[in-house]
């Protein structure tokens, strides 16, 4: 839980069951300048996306793959 993947990407929660299904919840943020007119500009990390993924088969994901030489 709450594992920083990089500066702007955090794994909030990840769980896998005995059948190989996985739930993954990620928080993707961005650095945003804060402060208004006449105020000093500070950089703050603001949440942008909360991404929920369900993977039915983690060993064989159902993603589209382009055959070598076809692209």
N, C-alpha and C. Protein backbone atom coordinates (compact mmCIF):
# COMPACT_ATOMS: atom_id res chain seq x y z
N UNK A 1 0.83 -1.19 0.00
CA UNK A 1 0.00 0.00 0.00
C UNK A 1 0.88 1.25 0.00
N UNK A 2 0.38 2.27 -0.68
CA UNK A 2 1.02 3.59 -0.71
C UNK A 2 2.50 3.53 -1.09
N UNK A 3 2.79 2.80 -2.16
CA UNK A 3 4.15 2.64 -2.66
C UNK A 3 4.40 3.62 -3.80
N UNK A 4 5.41 4.45 -3.69
CA UNK A 4 5.76 5.40 -4.75
C UNK A 4 6.49 4.65 -5.86
N UNK A 5 5.90 4.65 -7.06
CA UNK A 5 6.53 4.04 -8.23
C UNK A 5 7.54 5.01 -8.81
N UNK A 6 7.15 6.26 -8.92
CA UNK A 6 8.04 7.35 -9.30
C UNK A 6 7.50 8.61 -8.63
N UNK A 7 7.97 9.79 -9.03
CA UNK A 7 7.56 11.02 -8.37
C UNK A 7 6.07 11.31 -8.50
N UNK A 8 5.43 10.84 -9.56
CA UNK A 8 4.03 11.19 -9.82
C UNK A 8 3.10 9.99 -9.88
N UNK A 9 3.53 8.82 -9.47
CA UNK A 9 2.73 7.61 -9.61
C UNK A 9 2.86 6.79 -8.33
N UNK A 10 1.72 6.50 -7.70
CA UNK A 10 1.71 5.76 -6.44
C UNK A 10 0.76 4.58 -6.52
N UNK A 11 1.19 3.42 -6.06
CA UNK A 11 0.30 2.27 -5.92
C UNK A 11 -0.37 2.44 -4.56
N UNK A 12 -1.68 2.68 -4.58
CA UNK A 12 -2.43 2.87 -3.34
C UNK A 12 -2.80 1.51 -2.75
N UNK A 13 -3.20 0.58 -3.62
CA UNK A 13 -3.62 -0.75 -3.16
C UNK A 13 -3.43 -1.75 -4.29
N UNK A 14 -2.98 -2.95 -3.93
CA UNK A 14 -2.88 -4.04 -4.91
C UNK A 14 -3.14 -5.35 -4.18
N UNK A 15 -4.00 -6.17 -4.78
CA UNK A 15 -4.32 -7.46 -4.17
C UNK A 15 -4.52 -8.49 -5.27
N UNK A 16 -4.09 -9.71 -5.01
CA UNK A 16 -4.25 -10.83 -5.93
C UNK A 16 -4.89 -11.99 -5.18
N UNK A 17 -5.86 -12.66 -5.83
CA UNK A 17 -6.48 -13.82 -5.18
C UNK A 17 -5.81 -15.11 -5.63
N UNK A 18 -6.29 -16.24 -5.11
CA UNK A 18 -5.68 -17.54 -5.41
C UNK A 18 -5.84 -17.95 -6.87
N UNK A 19 -6.81 -17.36 -7.58
CA UNK A 19 -7.03 -17.69 -8.99
C UNK A 19 -6.25 -16.80 -9.94
N UNK A 20 -5.39 -15.91 -9.41
CA UNK A 20 -4.54 -15.06 -10.25
C UNK A 20 -5.18 -13.77 -10.69
N UNK A 21 -6.34 -13.41 -10.14
CA UNK A 21 -6.99 -12.14 -10.49
C UNK A 21 -6.42 -11.04 -9.60
N UNK A 22 -6.29 -9.84 -10.17
CA UNK A 22 -5.67 -8.75 -9.43
C UNK A 22 -6.51 -7.48 -9.51
N UNK A 23 -6.53 -6.73 -8.41
CA UNK A 23 -7.09 -5.40 -8.37
C UNK A 23 -5.94 -4.45 -8.04
N UNK A 24 -5.84 -3.39 -8.83
CA UNK A 24 -4.74 -2.43 -8.66
C UNK A 24 -5.33 -1.02 -8.65
N UNK A 25 -5.02 -0.26 -7.61
CA UNK A 25 -5.50 1.11 -7.48
C UNK A 25 -4.28 2.02 -7.43
N UNK A 26 -4.18 2.93 -8.43
CA UNK A 26 -3.04 3.84 -8.52
C UNK A 26 -3.50 5.29 -8.44
N UNK A 27 -2.67 6.11 -7.84
CA UNK A 27 -2.90 7.55 -7.80
C UNK A 27 -1.82 8.20 -8.64
N UNK A 28 -2.23 8.93 -9.68
CA UNK A 28 -1.31 9.60 -10.57
C UNK A 28 -1.46 11.09 -10.32
N UNK A 29 -0.37 11.76 -9.97
CA UNK A 29 -0.43 13.17 -9.61
C UNK A 29 0.46 13.99 -10.53
N UNK A 30 0.37 15.30 -10.36
CA UNK A 30 1.19 16.21 -11.15
C UNK A 30 1.67 17.32 -10.25
N UNK A 31 2.82 17.87 -10.56
CA UNK A 31 3.33 19.02 -9.82
C UNK A 31 2.66 20.28 -10.37
N UNK A 32 2.02 21.05 -9.48
CA UNK A 32 1.27 22.24 -9.88
C UNK A 32 1.79 23.43 -9.07
N UNK A 33 1.98 24.56 -9.74
CA UNK A 33 2.40 25.77 -9.03
C UNK A 33 1.24 26.31 -8.24
N UNK A 34 1.46 26.62 -6.97
CA UNK A 34 0.41 27.16 -6.10
C UNK A 34 0.75 28.59 -5.73
N UNK A 35 -0.25 29.35 -5.35
CA UNK A 35 -0.05 30.76 -4.98
C UNK A 35 -0.68 31.65 -6.02
N UNK A 36 -1.10 32.81 -5.60
CA UNK A 36 -1.76 33.73 -6.52
C UNK A 36 -0.91 34.95 -6.77
N UNK A 37 -1.57 36.00 -7.24
CA UNK A 37 -0.87 37.25 -7.53
C UNK A 37 -0.24 37.79 -6.25
N UNK A 38 1.01 38.16 -6.31
CA UNK A 38 1.70 38.73 -5.18
C UNK A 38 2.19 37.69 -4.18
N UNK A 39 1.88 36.44 -4.39
CA UNK A 39 2.33 35.38 -3.48
C UNK A 39 3.47 34.62 -4.14
N UNK A 40 4.35 34.08 -3.32
CA UNK A 40 5.44 33.29 -3.87
C UNK A 40 4.88 32.00 -4.45
N UNK A 41 5.47 31.58 -5.53
CA UNK A 41 5.03 30.35 -6.20
C UNK A 41 5.66 29.15 -5.51
N UNK A 42 4.84 28.21 -5.07
CA UNK A 42 5.31 26.96 -4.49
C UNK A 42 4.81 25.82 -5.36
N UNK A 43 5.59 24.78 -5.44
CA UNK A 43 5.16 23.62 -6.19
C UNK A 43 4.50 22.64 -5.24
N UNK A 44 3.30 22.22 -5.59
CA UNK A 44 2.56 21.25 -4.80
C UNK A 44 2.16 20.10 -5.69
N UNK A 45 2.12 18.92 -5.12
CA UNK A 45 1.66 17.75 -5.85
C UNK A 45 0.15 17.66 -5.69
N UNK A 46 -0.58 17.72 -6.79
CA UNK A 46 -2.04 17.68 -6.77
C UNK A 46 -2.53 16.39 -7.41
N UNK A 47 -3.50 15.69 -6.77
CA UNK A 47 -4.03 14.47 -7.39
C UNK A 47 -4.72 14.78 -8.71
N UNK A 48 -4.48 13.98 -9.69
CA UNK A 48 -5.08 14.16 -11.00
C UNK A 48 -5.98 12.98 -11.35
N UNK A 49 -5.49 11.76 -11.15
CA UNK A 49 -6.23 10.56 -11.56
C UNK A 49 -6.13 9.49 -10.48
N UNK A 50 -7.26 8.88 -10.18
CA UNK A 50 -7.29 7.68 -9.36
C UNK A 50 -7.70 6.56 -10.29
N UNK A 51 -6.78 5.63 -10.58
CA UNK A 51 -6.94 4.64 -11.64
C UNK A 51 -7.17 3.27 -11.01
N UNK A 52 -8.31 2.66 -11.33
CA UNK A 52 -8.65 1.33 -10.84
C UNK A 52 -8.53 0.34 -11.98
N UNK A 53 -7.74 -0.71 -11.79
CA UNK A 53 -7.58 -1.75 -12.80
C UNK A 53 -7.97 -3.09 -12.22
N UNK A 54 -8.65 -3.89 -13.05
CA UNK A 54 -8.96 -5.28 -12.70
C UNK A 54 -8.32 -6.14 -13.76
N UNK A 55 -7.45 -7.06 -13.36
CA UNK A 55 -6.77 -7.95 -14.29
C UNK A 55 -7.24 -9.36 -13.98
N UNK A 56 -7.95 -9.97 -14.94
CA UNK A 56 -8.52 -11.29 -14.69
C UNK A 56 -7.46 -12.38 -14.66
N UNK A 57 -6.49 -12.31 -15.54
CA UNK A 57 -5.45 -13.34 -15.61
C UNK A 57 -4.09 -12.65 -15.69
N UNK A 58 -3.40 -12.53 -14.57
CA UNK A 58 -2.13 -11.79 -14.54
C UNK A 58 -1.01 -12.50 -15.28
N UNK A 59 -1.12 -13.82 -15.45
CA UNK A 59 -0.07 -14.55 -16.18
C UNK A 59 -0.25 -14.45 -17.68
N UNK A 60 -1.49 -14.26 -18.14
CA UNK A 60 -1.79 -14.15 -19.57
C UNK A 60 -2.73 -12.97 -19.80
N UNK A 61 -2.24 -11.73 -19.72
CA UNK A 61 -3.13 -10.57 -19.89
C UNK A 61 -3.70 -10.51 -21.30
N UNK A 62 -4.93 -10.04 -21.40
CA UNK A 62 -5.61 -9.98 -22.70
C UNK A 62 -5.39 -8.63 -23.37
N UNK A 63 -4.12 -8.35 -23.66
CA UNK A 63 -3.78 -7.10 -24.34
C UNK A 63 -3.52 -7.40 -25.81
N UNK A 64 -3.78 -6.42 -26.65
CA UNK A 64 -3.56 -6.58 -28.07
C UNK A 64 -2.08 -6.46 -28.37
N UNK A 65 -1.56 -7.42 -29.09
CA UNK A 65 -0.15 -7.41 -29.46
C UNK A 65 -0.02 -7.37 -30.98
N UNK A 66 0.84 -6.51 -31.45
CA UNK A 66 1.11 -6.41 -32.89
C UNK A 66 2.25 -7.36 -33.22
N UNK A 67 2.01 -8.19 -34.23
CA UNK A 67 3.04 -9.14 -34.63
C UNK A 67 4.26 -8.40 -35.17
N UNK A 68 5.42 -8.95 -34.94
CA UNK A 68 6.65 -8.34 -35.42
C UNK A 68 6.61 -8.20 -36.93
N UNK A 69 6.95 -7.01 -37.42
CA UNK A 69 6.96 -6.74 -38.85
C UNK A 69 5.64 -6.24 -39.41
N UNK A 70 4.58 -6.21 -38.62
CA UNK A 70 3.27 -5.77 -39.09
C UNK A 70 3.05 -4.27 -38.91
N UNK A 71 3.95 -3.58 -38.21
CA UNK A 71 3.76 -2.16 -37.94
C UNK A 71 4.94 -1.39 -38.45
